[in-house]
Amino acid sequence: MTNFKRFTTGATTALLMGMIAAPLYAQLPSHLRDYPLAGRKASGDVVGPMFNGWIKNDDDSVTMIFGFVNKNREEIVDVPLGPNNFIEPAQFDGAQPTHFPVYDRGGFVGLQERGAFAVTVPAEMADTEVVWTIKHAGHSYSVPGRATSTAYEMSAGSQALGSLNPAIRFNLNGAESNDREGIYAAAVNASVGKPVNLTAYAQDRGEREEYNLDTDVFPLGTEWILHQGPAQVDFEPEKITGSERGTGGEGSLDNGWNVVSTQATFWEPGEYVVRLRVDNFEAPDSQFDNHCCWSNAYVPVSVTP
């Protein structure tokens, strides 16, 4: 076959395929036309819930871990709790975020925000599906959290070189978080436009003595994230990586705890929840892609004019 014949045959085939595909596309329901390999929109695109996995606890309860994806290139989306952002059964509703930033981390994680929150289902309800629904820009997505698939089962145990989720406390003698579900601080009061200090304590909990590592303790990274609230919040600092923080520096206490803090400025009155994520991604066996190792903690803030 000559090159000309190959070209004309290929062109004809492509034309016919296009003629067939166009009517088929037109026959799709409108809510399905946005899905196939379309480029990301600047705004008005999908915000979807994600189920990241589940952990069986010692008391046979199950912790279900959720994240989300905001497919927009630019639009930061807020969806208040209610008919457009809810969890069923209703007893688990309310822990989910209402603020959905745009992420593009590349690699395996890509656009996802993983482990934004978790809920624990008691042992007698371990087979119950926990379903999170988000409705935005004409799209409605629901994701079931379920503990029936071993493919989604995760471990709370130590990693290959002994890393564990870091510990977070808001009071050195108080409750502790070392997981995605986290703990809540006492409510903080703030005023619009006036910075307020948010403080916690964090500690690396790795068990690395038996491994041939240069250190048993790795510097922790921190990030303060708006979880729920009516308007954007400014954090200073917003994020400090472990490499930036280092070990034994300012904020380190003799008992192994580190003081971590930020100045938060709120620009509109209302009720907010700020999430603190503490990670030990400087450890060689810990990274966001593998869903290890970090912990969450949450600070409710009431903002008045």
C-alpha atoms as a PDB file:
ATOM      1  CA  MET A   1       0.000   0.000   0.000  1.00  0.00           C
ATOM      2  CA  THR A   2       1.373   3.421  -0.934  1.00  0.00           C
ATOM      3  CA  ASN A   3       1.858   6.142   1.682  1.00  0.00           C
ATOM      4  CA  PHE A   4      -0.947   8.111   0.013  1.00  0.00           C
ATOM      5  CA  LYS A   5      -3.363   5.202   0.321  1.00  0.00           C
ATOM      6  CA  ARG A   6      -2.376   4.674   3.948  1.00  0.00           C
ATOM      7  CA  PHE A   7      -3.005   8.348   4.629  1.00  0.00           C
ATOM      8  CA  THR A   8      -6.394   8.469   2.917  1.00  0.00           C
ATOM      9  CA  THR A   9      -7.510   5.205   4.526  1.00  0.00           C
ATOM     10  CA  GLY A  10      -6.499   6.463   7.967  1.00  0.00           C
ATOM     11  CA  ALA A  11      -8.168   9.824   7.429  1.00  0.00           C
ATOM     12  CA  THR A  12     -11.382   8.167   6.254  1.00  0.00           C
ATOM     13  CA  THR A  13     -11.403   5.869   9.283  1.00  0.00           C
ATOM     14  CA  ALA A  14     -10.864   8.793  11.630  1.00  0.00           C
ATOM     15  CA  LEU A  15     -13.668  10.752   9.938  1.00  0.00           C
ATOM     16  CA  LEU A  16     -16.080   7.829  10.235  1.00  0.00           C
ATOM     17  CA  MET A  17     -15.183   7.295  13.877  1.00  0.00           C
ATOM     18  CA  GLY A  18     -15.778  10.970  14.559  1.00  0.00           C
ATOM     19  CA  MET A  19     -19.151  10.843  12.781  1.00  0.00           C
ATOM     20  CA  ILE A  20     -20.144   7.859  14.926  1.00  0.00           C
ATOM     21  CA  ALA A  21     -18.751   9.228  18.203  1.00  0.00           C
ATOM     22  CA  ALA A  22     -20.471  12.607  17.960  1.00  0.00           C
ATOM     23  CA  PRO A  23     -24.039  11.205  17.899  1.00  0.00           C
ATOM     24  CA  LEU A  24     -23.149   8.707  20.642  1.00  0.00           C
ATOM     25  CA  TYR A  25     -21.806  11.536  22.801  1.00  0.00           C
ATOM     26  CA  ALA A  26     -24.998  13.536  22.194  1.00  0.00           C
ATOM     27  CA  GLN A  27     -27.062  10.566  23.370  1.00  0.00           C
ATOM     28  CA  LEU A  28     -25.286  10.435  26.737  1.00  0.00           C
ATOM     29  CA  PRO A  29     -27.178  11.904  29.685  1.00  0.00           C
ATOM     30  CA  SER A  30     -25.912  15.413  30.357  1.00  0.00           C
ATOM     31  CA  HIS A  31     -24.447  14.423  33.736  1.00  0.00           C
ATOM     32  CA  LEU A  32     -22.186  11.855  32.038  1.00  0.00           C
ATOM     33  CA  ARG A  33     -20.770  14.083  29.300  1.00  0.00           C
ATOM     34  CA  ASP A  34     -18.224  15.704  31.580  1.00  0.00           C
ATOM     35  CA  TYR A  35     -16.407  12.531  32.580  1.00  0.00           C
ATOM     36  CA  PRO A  36     -14.409  11.059  29.682  1.00  0.00           C
ATOM     37  CA  LEU A  37     -10.781  12.282  29.768  1.00  0.00           C
ATOM     38  CA  ALA A  38     -11.830  15.925  29.717  1.00  0.00           C
ATOM     39  CA  GLY A  39      -9.308  18.537  30.761  1.00  0.00           C
ATOM     40  CA  ARG A  40      -9.700  20.162  34.147  1.00  0.00           C
ATOM     41  CA  LYS A  41     -11.791  23.301  34.265  1.00  0.00           C
ATOM     42  CA  ALA A  42     -10.710  26.475  36.012  1.00  0.00           C
ATOM     43  CA  SER A  43     -13.965  26.398  37.987  1.00  0.00           C
ATOM     44  CA  GLY A  44     -17.269  24.570  38.115  1.00  0.00           C
ATOM     45  CA  ASP A  45     -15.616  21.152  38.035  1.00  0.00           C
ATOM     46  CA  VAL A  46     -16.032  18.129  40.270  1.00  0.00           C
ATOM     47  CA  VAL A  47     -15.457  18.065  44.009  1.00  0.00           C
ATOM     48  CA  GLY A  48     -15.694  14.460  45.106  1.00  0.00           C
ATOM     49  CA  PRO A  49     -15.389  12.503  48.373  1.00  0.00           C
ATOM     50  CA  MET A  50     -12.780   9.745  48.616  1.00  0.00           C
ATOM     51  CA  PHE A  51     -12.646   6.660  50.838  1.00  0.00           C
ATOM     52  CA  ASN A  52      -9.003   6.044  51.746  1.00  0.00           C
ATOM     53  CA  GLY A  53      -9.296   2.883  53.834  1.00  0.00           C
ATOM     54  CA  TRP A  54     -10.194   1.338  57.161  1.00  0.00           C
ATOM     55  CA  ILE A  55      -8.454   0.105  60.291  1.00  0.00           C
ATOM     56  CA  LYS A  56      -9.741  -2.567  62.655  1.00  0.00           C
ATOM     57  CA  ASN A  57      -9.195  -1.553  66.269  1.00  0.00           C
ATOM     58  CA  ASP A  58      -8.449  -3.739  69.284  1.00  0.00           C
ATOM     59  CA  ASP A  59     -12.054  -3.492  70.478  1.00  0.00           C
ATOM     60  CA  ASP A  60     -13.338  -4.649  67.041  1.00  0.00           C
ATOM     61  CA  SER A  61     -14.558  -1.174  66.166  1.00  0.00           C
ATOM     62  CA  VAL A  62     -13.564   0.126  62.732  1.00  0.00           C
ATOM     63  CA  THR A  63     -12.017   3.491  61.878  1.00  0.00           C
ATOM     64  CA  MET A  64     -12.903   4.678  58.365  1.00  0.00           C
ATOM     65  CA  ILE A  65     -10.640   7.276  56.770  1.00  0.00           C
ATOM     66  CA  PHE A  66     -11.778   9.770  54.128  1.00  0.00           C
ATOM     67  CA  GLY A  67     -10.278  12.399  51.867  1.00  0.00           C
ATOM     68  CA  PHE A  68     -11.420  14.353  48.833  1.00  0.00           C
ATOM     69  CA  VAL A  69     -10.473  15.613  45.398  1.00  0.00           C
ATOM     70  CA  ASN A  70     -11.133  19.076  43.963  1.00  0.00           C
ATOM     71  CA  LYS A  71     -10.698  18.699  40.216  1.00  0.00           C
ATOM     72  CA  ASN A  72     -10.760  22.448  39.513  1.00  0.00           C
ATOM     73  CA  ARG A  73      -7.545  24.133  38.436  1.00  0.00           C
ATOM     74  CA  GLU A  74      -8.315  27.340  40.347  1.00  0.00           C
ATOM     75  CA  GLU A  75     -11.627  27.332  42.219  1.00  0.00           C
ATOM     76  CA  ILE A  76     -11.411  26.739  45.956  1.00  0.00           C
ATOM     77  CA  VAL A  77     -14.801  25.321  46.865  1.00  0.00           C
ATOM     78  CA  ASP A  78     -16.800  25.675  50.082  1.00  0.00           C
ATOM     79  CA  VAL A  79     -19.792  23.406  50.664  1.00  0.00           C
ATOM     80  CA  PRO A  80     -21.433  23.900  54.089  1.00  0.00           C
ATOM     81  CA  LEU A  81     -22.693  20.983  56.129  1.00  0.00           C
ATOM     82  CA  GLY A  82     -26.274  20.182  55.146  1.00  0.00           C
ATOM     83  CA  PRO A  83     -28.110  18.848  52.104  1.00  0.00           C
ATOM     84  CA  ASN A  84     -25.061  19.327  49.843  1.00  0.00           C
ATOM     85  CA  ASN A  85     -22.465  17.880  52.220  1.00  0.00           C
ATOM     86  CA  PHE A  86     -23.596  15.110  54.544  1.00  0.00           C
ATOM     87  CA  ILE A  87     -22.752  11.677  55.909  1.00  0.00           C
ATOM     88  CA  GLU A  88     -25.110   8.789  56.531  1.00  0.00           C
ATOM     89  CA  PRO A  89     -25.854   7.305  59.042  1.00  0.00           C
ATOM     90  CA  ALA A  90     -26.461  10.727  60.556  1.00  0.00           C
ATOM     91  CA  GLN A  91     -24.626   9.890  63.780  1.00  0.00           C
ATOM     92  CA  PHE A  92     -21.340  10.219  61.870  1.00  0.00           C
ATOM     93  CA  ASP A  93     -22.290  13.458  60.134  1.00  0.00           C
ATOM     94  CA  GLY A  94     -20.377  16.644  60.940  1.00  0.00           C
ATOM     95  CA  ALA A  95     -16.735  15.537  61.002  1.00  0.00           C
ATOM     96  CA  GLN A  96     -16.204  16.088  57.268  1.00  0.00           C
ATOM     97  CA  PRO A  97     -14.586  19.217  55.790  1.00  0.00           C
ATOM     98  CA  THR A  98     -16.563  22.022  54.195  1.00  0.00           C
ATOM     99  CA  HIS A  99     -13.518  23.721  52.645  1.00  0.00           C
ATOM    100  CA  PHE A 100     -11.960  22.092  49.576  1.00  0.00           C
ATOM    101  CA  PRO A 101      -8.685  23.626  48.348  1.00  0.00           C
ATOM    102  CA  VAL A 102      -7.026  22.780  45.043  1.00  0.00           C
ATOM    103  CA  TYR A 103      -4.099  20.351  45.305  1.00  0.00           C
ATOM    104  CA  ASP A 104      -1.768  19.016  42.632  1.00  0.00           C
ATOM    105  CA  ARG A 105       0.908  16.946  44.327  1.00  0.00           C
ATOM    106  CA  GLY A 106       1.821  14.803  41.335  1.00  0.00           C
ATOM    107  CA  GLY A 107       2.781  11.173  41.680  1.00  0.00           C
ATOM    108  CA  PHE A 108       0.366   8.629  43.075  1.00  0.00           C
ATOM    109  CA  VAL A 109      -1.625  11.109  45.159  1.00  0.00           C
ATOM    110  CA  GLY A 110      -2.182  13.679  42.388  1.00  0.00           C
ATOM    111  CA  LEU A 111      -5.144  15.933  43.147  1.00  0.00           C
ATOM    112  CA  GLN A 112      -6.188  14.179  46.333  1.00  0.00           C
ATOM    113  CA  GLU A 113      -6.235  15.387  49.906  1.00  0.00           C
ATOM    114  CA  ARG A 114      -5.946  12.137  51.833  1.00  0.00           C
ATOM    115  CA  GLY A 115      -6.932  11.447  55.409  1.00  0.00           C
ATOM    116  CA  ALA A 116      -8.718  14.749  56.026  1.00  0.00           C
ATOM    117  CA  PHE A 117     -10.871  13.090  58.696  1.00  0.00           C
ATOM    118  CA  ALA A 118     -11.998   9.740  60.025  1.00  0.00           C
ATOM    119  CA  VAL A 119     -14.930   8.258  61.921  1.00  0.00           C
ATOM    120  CA  THR A 120     -14.968   5.228  64.180  1.00  0.00           C
ATOM    121  CA  VAL A 121     -17.817   2.763  63.770  1.00  0.00           C
ATOM    122  CA  PRO A 122     -18.526   0.692  66.910  1.00  0.00           C
ATOM    123  CA  ALA A 123     -18.042  -3.076  66.763  1.00  0.00           C
ATOM    124  CA  GLU A 124     -21.769  -3.819  66.596  1.00  0.00           C
ATOM    125  CA  MET A 125     -21.994  -1.631  63.457  1.00  0.00           C
ATOM    126  CA  ALA A 126     -18.743  -2.759  61.835  1.00  0.00           C
ATOM    127  CA  ASP A 127     -20.534  -3.951  58.682  1.00  0.00           C
ATOM    128  CA  THR A 128     -22.372  -0.637  58.242  1.00  0.00           C
ATOM    129  CA  GLU A 129     -21.564   1.498  55.216  1.00  0.00           C
ATOM    130  CA  VAL A 130     -20.691   5.092  56.087  1.00  0.00           C
ATOM    131  CA  VAL A 131     -21.600   7.131  53.010  1.00  0.00           C
ATOM    132  CA  TRP A 132     -20.308  10.665  52.378  1.00  0.00           C
ATOM    133  CA  THR A 133     -22.111  12.774  49.743  1.00  0.00           C
ATOM    134  CA  ILE A 134     -20.969  16.075  48.184  1.00  0.00           C
ATOM    135  CA  LYS A 135     -23.076  18.062  45.714  1.00  0.00           C
ATOM    136  CA  HIS A 136     -21.465  20.910  43.787  1.00  0.00           C
ATOM    137  CA  ALA A 137     -21.840  22.622  40.386  1.00  0.00           C
ATOM    138  CA  GLY A 138     -24.546  20.211  39.252  1.00  0.00           C
ATOM    139  CA  HIS A 139     -22.558  17.139  40.243  1.00  0.00           C
ATOM    140  CA  SER A 140     -23.457  14.761  43.053  1.00  0.00           C
ATOM    141  CA  TYR A 141     -20.999  12.174  44.304  1.00  0.00           C
ATOM    142  CA  SER A 142     -21.301   9.663  47.118  1.00  0.00           C
ATOM    143  CA  VAL A 143     -18.613   7.329  48.388  1.00  0.00           C
ATOM    144  CA  PRO A 144     -19.246   4.426  50.766  1.00  0.00           C
ATOM    145  CA  GLY A 145     -16.817   3.652  53.535  1.00  0.00           C
ATOM    146  CA  ARG A 146     -16.974  -0.041  54.201  1.00  0.00           C
ATOM    147  CA  ALA A 147     -14.882  -2.551  56.102  1.00  0.00           C
ATOM    148  CA  THR A 148     -15.741  -5.538  53.926  1.00  0.00           C
ATOM    149  CA  SER A 149     -12.901  -5.170  51.425  1.00  0.00           C
ATOM    150  CA  THR A 150      -9.426  -6.338  52.471  1.00  0.00           C
ATOM    151  CA  ALA A 151      -7.984  -4.228  49.648  1.00  0.00           C
ATOM    152  CA  TYR A 152      -8.817  -1.126  51.692  1.00  0.00           C
ATOM    153  CA  GLU A 153      -7.651  -2.484  55.049  1.00  0.00           C
ATOM    154  CA  MET A 154      -4.859  -0.445  56.622  1.00  0.00           C
ATOM    155  CA  SER A 155      -2.573  -0.913  59.606  1.00  0.00           C
ATOM    156  CA  ALA A 156      -1.951   1.353  62.556  1.00  0.00           C
ATOM    157  CA  GLY A 157       1.268  -0.525  63.321  1.00  0.00           C
ATOM    158  CA  SER A 158       4.833   0.598  62.756  1.00  0.00           C
ATOM    159  CA  GLN A 159       6.274   0.930  59.276  1.00  0.00           C
ATOM    160  CA  ALA A 160       9.271  -0.864  57.772  1.00  0.00           C
ATOM    161  CA  LEU A 161      11.795   1.135  59.824  1.00  0.00           C
ATOM    162  CA  GLY A 162       9.675   1.698  62.891  1.00  0.00           C
ATOM    163  CA  SER A 163       7.801   4.910  62.053  1.00  0.00           C
ATOM    164  CA  LEU A 164       4.427   5.497  63.688  1.00  0.00           C
ATOM    165  CA  ASN A 165       1.914   8.320  63.525  1.00  0.00           C
ATOM    166  CA  PRO A 166       3.155  11.306  65.565  1.00  0.00           C
ATOM    167  CA  ALA A 167       1.377  12.295  68.771  1.00  0.00           C
ATOM    168  CA  ILE A 168      -0.506  15.582  69.203  1.00  0.00           C
ATOM    169  CA  ARG A 169      -1.796  17.131  72.407  1.00  0.00           C
ATOM    170  CA  PHE A 170      -3.323  20.502  73.160  1.00  0.00           C
ATOM    171  CA  ASN A 171      -2.419  20.106  76.818  1.00  0.00           C
ATOM    172  CA  LEU A 172       0.677  18.172  77.881  1.00  0.00           C
ATOM    173  CA  ASN A 173      -1.398  16.319  80.464  1.00  0.00           C
ATOM    174  CA  GLY A 174      -4.498  16.034  78.292  1.00  0.00           C
ATOM    175  CA  ALA A 175      -5.949  13.869  75.539  1.00  0.00           C
ATOM    176  CA  GLU A 176      -3.720  12.678  72.702  1.00  0.00           C
ATOM    177  CA  SER A 177      -4.177  12.086  68.993  1.00  0.00           C
ATOM    178  CA  ASN A 178      -2.082   9.626  67.034  1.00  0.00           C
ATOM    179  CA  ASP A 179      -4.410   8.966  64.122  1.00  0.00           C
ATOM    180  CA  ARG A 180      -6.588  10.597  61.437  1.00  0.00           C
ATOM    181  CA  GLU A 181      -9.682  10.913  63.612  1.00  0.00           C
ATOM    182  CA  GLY A 182      -7.812  13.131  66.018  1.00  0.00           C
ATOM    183  CA  ILE A 183      -8.860  15.113  69.056  1.00  0.00           C
ATOM    184  CA  TYR A 184     -10.547  18.477  69.484  1.00  0.00           C
ATOM    185  CA  ALA A 185      -9.129  21.382  71.443  1.00  0.00           C
ATOM    186  CA  ALA A 186     -11.210  23.565  73.719  1.00  0.00           C
ATOM    187  CA  ALA A 187     -13.001  26.248  71.700  1.00  0.00           C
ATOM    188  CA  VAL A 188     -10.999  29.390  70.956  1.00  0.00           C
ATOM    189  CA  ASN A 189     -12.543  32.862  70.687  1.00  0.00           C
ATOM    190  CA  ALA A 190     -11.315  35.345  68.079  1.00  0.00           C
ATOM    191  CA  SER A 191     -12.294  38.638  66.457  1.00  0.00           C
ATOM    192  CA  VAL A 192     -12.377  39.508  62.775  1.00  0.00           C
ATOM    193  CA  GLY A 193      -9.027  40.792  61.543  1.00  0.00           C
ATOM    194  CA  LYS A 194      -7.172  40.209  64.821  1.00  0.00           C
ATOM    195  CA  PRO A 195      -4.609  37.365  64.798  1.00  0.00           C
ATOM    196  CA  VAL A 196      -5.107  34.679  67.415  1.00  0.00           C
ATOM    197  CA  ASN A 197      -2.461  32.189  68.498  1.00  0.00           C
ATOM    198  CA  LEU A 198      -3.220  28.473  68.000  1.00  0.00           C
ATOM    199  CA  THR A 199      -0.846  26.156  69.865  1.00  0.00           C
ATOM    200  CA  ALA A 200      -0.347  22.409  70.246  1.00  0.00           C
ATOM    201  CA  TYR A 201       2.354  19.934  71.249  1.00  0.00           C
ATOM    202  CA  ALA A 202       3.746  17.253  68.939  1.00  0.00           C
ATOM    203  CA  GLN A 203       6.085  14.308  69.394  1.00  0.00           C
ATOM    204  CA  ASP A 204       7.655  11.727  67.083  1.00  0.00           C
ATOM    205  CA  ARG A 205       6.621   8.250  68.244  1.00  0.00           C
ATOM    206  CA  GLY A 206       8.798   6.023  66.057  1.00  0.00           C
ATOM    207  CA  GLU A 207      10.151   2.748  67.452  1.00  0.00           C
ATOM    208  CA  ARG A 208      13.494   2.625  65.638  1.00  0.00           C
ATOM    209  CA  GLU A 209      15.988   1.328  68.191  1.00  0.00           C
ATOM    210  CA  GLU A 210      16.496  -1.997  66.406  1.00  0.00           C
ATOM    211  CA  TYR A 211      17.213  -0.394  63.038  1.00  0.00           C
ATOM    212  CA  ASN A 212      20.567   0.896  61.842  1.00  0.00           C
ATOM    213  CA  LEU A 213      19.548   4.536  61.428  1.00  0.00           C
ATOM    214  CA  ASP A 214      21.508   7.695  62.107  1.00  0.00           C
ATOM    215  CA  THR A 215      18.814   8.883  64.513  1.00  0.00           C
ATOM    216  CA  ASP A 216      15.851   7.531  66.428  1.00  0.00           C
ATOM    217  CA  VAL A 217      13.920  10.806  66.196  1.00  0.00           C
ATOM    218  CA  PHE A 218      13.008  12.724  63.056  1.00  0.00           C
ATOM    219  CA  PRO A 219      11.870  16.361  62.884  1.00  0.00           C
ATOM    220  CA  LEU A 220       8.137  16.780  62.486  1.00  0.00           C
ATOM    221  CA  GLY A 221       6.346  18.790  59.828  1.00  0.00           C
ATOM    222  CA  THR A 222       3.177  20.760  60.543  1.00  0.00           C
ATOM    223  CA  GLU A 223       0.383  22.240  58.465  1.00  0.00           C
ATOM    224  CA  TRP A 224      -2.599  24.304  59.641  1.00  0.00           C
ATOM    225  CA  ILE A 225      -5.610  23.799  57.368  1.00  0.00           C
ATOM    226  CA  LEU A 226      -9.069  25.351  57.279  1.00  0.00           C
ATOM    227  CA  HIS A 227     -11.389  22.383  57.786  1.00  0.00           C
ATOM    228  CA  GLN A 228     -14.769  24.060  58.239  1.00  0.00           C
ATOM    229  CA  GLY A 229     -15.846  27.675  58.124  1.00  0.00           C
ATOM    230  CA  PRO A 230     -17.520  30.434  56.096  1.00  0.00           C
ATOM    231  CA  ALA A 231     -14.380  32.144  54.731  1.00  0.00           C
ATOM    232  CA  GLN A 232     -10.687  31.734  54.028  1.00  0.00           C
ATOM    233  CA  VAL A 233      -8.260  31.998  56.973  1.00  0.00           C
ATOM    234  CA  ASP A 234      -4.670  33.263  56.912  1.00  0.00           C
ATOM    235  CA  PHE A 235      -2.103  31.223  58.872  1.00  0.00           C
ATOM    236  CA  GLU A 236       1.383  32.454  59.725  1.00  0.00           C
ATOM    237  CA  PRO A 237       3.148  30.147  59.395  1.00  0.00           C
ATOM    238  CA  GLU A 238       0.816  27.856  57.448  1.00  0.00           C
ATOM    239  CA  LYS A 239       3.247  25.008  56.883  1.00  0.00           C
ATOM    240  CA  ILE A 240       6.676  24.018  58.172  1.00  0.00           C
ATOM    241  CA  THR A 241       8.304  20.878  56.787  1.00  0.00           C
ATOM    242  CA  GLY A 242      10.405  18.645  58.987  1.00  0.00           C
ATOM    243  CA  SER A 243      13.563  19.666  57.129  1.00  0.00           C
ATOM    244  CA  GLU A 244      12.795  23.326  57.824  1.00  0.00           C
ATOM    245  CA  ARG A 245      12.053  22.693  61.479  1.00  0.00           C
ATOM    246  CA  GLY A 246      15.023  20.452  62.295  1.00  0.00           C
ATOM    247  CA  THR A 247      15.516  18.725  65.634  1.00  0.00           C
ATOM    248  CA  GLY A 248      16.391  20.225  68.970  1.00  0.00           C
ATOM    249  CA  GLY A 249      15.571  23.742  67.840  1.00  0.00           C
ATOM    250  CA  GLU A 250      13.264  26.394  69.171  1.00  0.00           C
ATOM    251  CA  GLY A 251      10.070  24.906  70.574  1.00  0.00           C
ATOM    252  CA  SER A 252      11.653  21.621  71.676  1.00  0.00           C
ATOM    253  CA  LEU A 253      10.958  20.617  75.272  1.00  0.00           C
ATOM    254  CA  ASP A 254      13.118  18.368  77.444  1.00  0.00           C
ATOM    255  CA  ASN A 255      10.431  15.671  77.515  1.00  0.00           C
ATOM    256  CA  GLY A 256      10.538  15.124  73.750  1.00  0.00           C
ATOM    257  CA  TRP A 257       7.539  17.267  72.898  1.00  0.00           C
ATOM    258  CA  ASN A 258       7.690  20.159  70.444  1.00  0.00           C
ATOM    259  CA  VAL A 259       5.587  23.299  70.713  1.00  0.00           C
ATOM    260  CA  VAL A 260       3.901  24.021  67.369  1.00  0.00           C
ATOM    261  CA  SER A 261       1.880  27.151  66.766  1.00  0.00           C
ATOM    262  CA  THR A 262       0.510  29.584  64.221  1.00  0.00           C
ATOM    263  CA  GLN A 263      -1.099  33.018  64.125  1.00  0.00           C
ATOM    264  CA  ALA A 264      -4.551  32.642  62.544  1.00  0.00           C
ATOM    265  CA  THR A 265      -6.421  35.639  61.140  1.00  0.00           C
ATOM    266  CA  PHE A 266     -10.131  35.331  60.378  1.00  0.00           C
ATOM    267  CA  TRP A 267     -11.802  37.798  58.021  1.00  0.00           C
ATOM    268  CA  GLU A 268     -15.474  36.955  58.543  1.00  0.00           C
ATOM    269  CA  PRO A 269     -17.462  36.128  61.690  1.00  0.00           C
ATOM    270  CA  GLY A 270     -18.766  32.622  62.185  1.00  0.00           C
ATOM    271  CA  GLU A 271     -17.918  29.162  63.456  1.00  0.00           C
ATOM    272  CA  TYR A 272     -14.707  27.571  62.200  1.00  0.00           C
ATOM    273  CA  VAL A 273     -12.735  24.368  62.647  1.00  0.00           C
ATOM    274  CA  VAL A 274      -8.994  24.416  61.946  1.00  0.00           C
ATOM    275  CA  ARG A 275      -7.167  21.144  61.319  1.00  0.00           C
ATOM    276  CA  LEU A 276      -3.586  20.616  62.423  1.00  0.00           C
ATOM    277  CA  ARG A 277      -1.733  17.900  60.537  1.00  0.00           C
ATOM    278  CA  VAL A 278       1.558  16.723  62.039  1.00  0.00           C
ATOM    279  CA  ASP A 279       3.769  14.446  59.941  1.00  0.00           C
ATOM    280  CA  ASN A 280       7.131  12.722  60.123  1.00  0.00           C
ATOM    281  CA  PHE A 281       7.756  12.601  56.377  1.00  0.00           C
ATOM    282  CA  GLU A 282      11.485  13.103  57.012  1.00  0.00           C
ATOM    283  CA  ALA A 283      11.651   9.468  58.138  1.00  0.00           C
ATOM    284  CA  PRO A 284      12.690   7.120  55.296  1.00  0.00           C
ATOM    285  CA  ASP A 285       9.626   4.871  55.721  1.00  0.00           C
ATOM    286  CA  SER A 286       7.022   7.651  55.920  1.00  0.00           C
ATOM    287  CA  GLN A 287       5.386   9.532  53.065  1.00  0.00           C
ATOM    288  CA  PHE A 288       2.022  10.962  52.078  1.00  0.00           C
ATOM    289  CA  ASP A 289       1.735   8.601  49.081  1.00  0.00           C
ATOM    290  CA  ASN A 290       1.728   5.570  51.392  1.00  0.00           C
ATOM    291  CA  HIS A 291      -0.760   7.100  53.828  1.00  0.00           C
ATOM    292  CA  CYS A 292       1.826   7.175  56.597  1.00  0.00           C
ATOM    293  CA  CYS A 293       2.722   8.752  58.879  1.00  0.00           C
ATOM    294  CA  TRP A 294       0.698  11.709  60.128  1.00  0.00           C
ATOM    295  CA  SER A 295      -1.967  12.566  62.701  1.00  0.00           C
ATOM    296  CA  ASN A 296      -4.801  15.104  62.800  1.00  0.00           C
ATOM    297  CA  ALA A 297      -6.100  17.375  65.538  1.00  0.00           C
ATOM    298  CA  TYR A 298      -8.811  20.037  65.347  1.00  0.00           C
ATOM    299  CA  VAL A 299      -9.372  23.478  66.872  1.00  0.00           C
ATOM    300  CA  PRO A 300     -12.904  24.978  66.959  1.00  0.00           C
ATOM    301  CA  VAL A 301     -12.833  28.774  66.697  1.00  0.00           C
ATOM    302  CA  SER A 302     -15.737  31.174  67.274  1.00  0.00           C
ATOM    303  CA  VAL A 303     -15.157  34.468  65.447  1.00  0.00           C
ATOM    304  CA  THR A 304     -17.076  37.635  66.330  1.00  0.00           C
ATOM    305  CA  PRO A 305     -17.123  40.951  64.387  1.00  0.00           C
END
